[in-house]
C-alpha atoms as a PDB file:
ATOM      1  CA  MET A   1     112.308 -12.767  -0.416  1.00  0.00           C
ATOM      2  CA  ASN A   2     113.181 -16.108   1.743  1.00  0.00           C
ATOM      3  CA  LEU A   3     115.835 -18.568   1.056  1.00  0.00           C
ATOM      4  CA  GLN A   4     113.731 -21.179  -0.742  1.00  0.00           C
ATOM      5  CA  ALA A   5     112.222 -18.369  -2.906  1.00  0.00           C
ATOM      6  CA  ILE A   6     115.771 -17.394  -3.624  1.00  0.00           C
ATOM      7  CA  LYS A   7     116.987 -21.005  -4.006  1.00  0.00           C
ATOM      8  CA  GLU A   8     113.974 -21.615  -6.606  1.00  0.00           C
ATOM      9  CA  ALA A   9     114.702 -18.573  -8.206  1.00  0.00           C
ATOM     10  CA  ILE A  10     118.166 -19.693  -8.951  1.00  0.00           C
ATOM     11  CA  THR A  11     117.016 -22.797 -10.430  1.00  0.00           C
ATOM     12  CA  GLU A  12     115.510 -20.819 -13.342  1.00  0.00           C
ATOM     13  CA  LEU A  13     118.708 -18.986 -14.115  1.00  0.00           C
ATOM     14  CA  ALA A  14     120.447 -19.459 -17.583  1.00  0.00           C
ATOM     15  CA  PRO A  15     123.944 -21.091 -17.091  1.00  0.00           C
ATOM     16  CA  GLU A  16     125.888 -18.224 -17.735  1.00  0.00           C
ATOM     17  CA  ASP A  17     123.894 -16.023 -15.074  1.00  0.00           C
ATOM     18  CA  LYS A  18     124.335 -18.909 -12.714  1.00  0.00           C
ATOM     19  CA  THR A  19     127.916 -18.792 -13.019  1.00  0.00           C
ATOM     20  CA  ARG A  20     127.889 -14.659 -12.407  1.00  0.00           C
ATOM     21  CA  LEU A  21     126.109 -15.534  -9.414  1.00  0.00           C
ATOM     22  CA  ALA A  22     128.435 -17.873  -8.070  1.00  0.00           C
ATOM     23  CA  GLY A  23     131.262 -15.452  -8.369  1.00  0.00           C
ATOM     24  CA  TRP A  24     129.413 -12.623  -7.261  1.00  0.00           C
ATOM     25  CA  LEU A  25     128.442 -14.998  -4.089  1.00  0.00           C
ATOM     26  CA  LEU A  26     132.232 -16.165  -3.497  1.00  0.00           C
ATOM     27  CA  ARG A  27     133.467 -12.314  -3.520  1.00  0.00           C
ATOM     28  CA  GLN A  28     130.938 -11.508  -0.827  1.00  0.00           C
ATOM     29  CA  ASP A  29     132.024 -14.371   1.162  1.00  0.00           C
ATOM     30  CA  LEU A  30     135.783 -13.293   0.737  1.00  0.00           C
ATOM     31  CA  GLU A  31     134.982  -9.569   1.533  1.00  0.00           C
ATOM     32  CA  GLU A  32     133.390 -10.721   4.462  1.00  0.00           C
ATOM     33  CA  TRP A  33     136.143 -13.170   5.743  1.00  0.00           C
ATOM     34  CA  ASP A  34     138.618 -10.388   5.249  1.00  0.00           C
ATOM     35  CA  ARG A  35     136.221  -7.801   7.241  1.00  0.00           C
ATOM     36  CA  GLN A  36     136.179 -10.693  10.089  1.00  0.00           C
ATOM     37  CA  ILE A  37     140.085 -11.234   9.927  1.00  0.00           C
ATOM     38  CA  GLU A  38     140.599  -7.422  10.177  1.00  0.00           C
ATOM     39  CA  GLU A  39     138.317  -7.167  12.987  1.00  0.00           C
ATOM     40  CA  ASP A  40     139.903 -10.207  14.854  1.00  0.00           C
ATOM     41  CA  PHE A  41     143.363  -8.908  14.518  1.00  0.00           C
ATOM     42  CA  SER A  42     142.651  -5.150  15.482  1.00  0.00           C
ATOM     43  CA  PRO A  43     143.072  -3.748  18.792  1.00  0.00           C
ATOM     44  CA  GLY A  44     141.091  -5.656  21.393  1.00  0.00           C
ATOM     45  CA  GLY A  45     139.856  -8.218  18.280  1.00  0.00           C
ATOM     46  CA  ALA A  46     139.441 -12.100  19.355  1.00  0.00           C
ATOM     47  CA  GLY A  47     142.463 -12.814  17.264  1.00  0.00           C
ATOM     48  CA  MET A  48     145.136 -11.120  19.292  1.00  0.00           C
ATOM     49  CA  ALA A  49     145.417 -13.233  22.156  1.00  0.00           C
ATOM     50  CA  LEU A  50     146.568 -15.856  19.641  1.00  0.00           C
ATOM     51  CA  LEU A  51     148.993 -13.404  17.886  1.00  0.00           C
ATOM     52  CA  LYS A  52     150.692 -12.613  21.240  1.00  0.00           C
ATOM     53  CA  GLU A  53     150.826 -16.059  21.986  1.00  0.00           C
ATOM     54  CA  ALA A  54     152.582 -16.962  18.893  1.00  0.00           C
ATOM     55  CA  GLN A  55     154.801 -13.990  19.416  1.00  0.00           C
ATOM     56  CA  ALA A  56     155.843 -15.376  22.780  1.00  0.00           C
ATOM     57  CA  ASP A  57     156.536 -18.964  20.967  1.00  0.00           C
ATOM     58  CA  VAL A  58     158.834 -17.481  18.468  1.00  0.00           C
ATOM     59  CA  ARG A  59     160.413 -15.213  21.226  1.00  0.00           C
ATOM     60  CA  GLU A  60     160.838 -18.063  23.699  1.00  0.00           C
ATOM     61  CA  GLY A  61     162.227 -20.434  21.102  1.00  0.00           C
ATOM     62  CA  ARG A  62     159.253 -22.708  21.580  1.00  0.00           C
ATOM     63  CA  VAL A  63     159.069 -22.621  17.154  1.00  0.00           C
ATOM     64  CA  LYS A  64     161.274 -23.305  14.570  1.00  0.00           C
ATOM     65  CA  PRO A  65     161.563 -21.706  11.365  1.00  0.00           C
ATOM     66  CA  LEU A  66     159.431 -23.222   8.627  1.00  0.00           C
ATOM     67  CA  ASP A  67     162.251 -23.828   6.508  1.00  0.00           C
ATOM     68  CA  ASP A  68     163.964 -25.846   9.000  1.00  0.00           C
ATOM     69  CA  PHE A  69     160.684 -27.653   9.933  1.00  0.00           C
ATOM     70  CA  LEU A  70     160.049 -28.545   5.998  1.00  0.00           C
ATOM     71  CA  SER A  71     164.009 -29.709   5.668  1.00  0.00           C
ATOM     72  CA  GLU A  72     163.793 -32.137   8.709  1.00  0.00           C
ATOM     73  CA  ALA A  73     160.748 -33.564   7.360  1.00  0.00           C
ATOM     74  CA  ARG A  74     162.299 -34.298   3.878  1.00  0.00           C
ATOM     75  CA  THR A  75     165.059 -35.651   5.680  1.00  0.00           C
ATOM     76  CA  LYS A  76     163.161 -38.022   7.796  1.00  0.00           C
ATOM     77  CA  ARG A  77     160.901 -38.768   4.820  1.00  0.00           C
ATOM     78  CA  ARG A  78     163.892 -39.942   2.757  1.00  0.00           C
ATOM     79  CA  VAL A  79     165.103 -42.037   5.738  1.00  0.00           C
ATOM     80  CA  LYS A  80     162.142 -43.670   6.202  1.00  0.00           C
ATOM     81  CA  LEU A  81     161.547 -44.403   2.346  1.00  0.00           C
ATOM     82  CA  ASN A  82     165.096 -45.431   1.436  1.00  0.00           C
ATOM     83  CA  PRO A  83     166.202 -47.222   5.006  1.00  0.00           C
ATOM     84  CA  GLN A  84     169.900 -48.295   5.127  1.00  0.00           C
ATOM     85  CA  PRO A  85     170.685 -51.908   5.892  1.00  0.00           C
END
């Protein structure tokens, strides 16, 4: 069966079956995403270089903790919204 035939068959489904199918497809997609992430961040995976780069940035102080960043952003926003005369 090809994709077009599947699409046509789906149009014939009852609404509750379409809902169940959508949930099943979503679970399939999420499971595939999880498998891809696990593969990418396993030894030798494509994401390992990015992870090592991020760890080096943290070690060498080129990044700041998220709480600090958010606090600074809130302060800047308050100053921008309420400028002092």
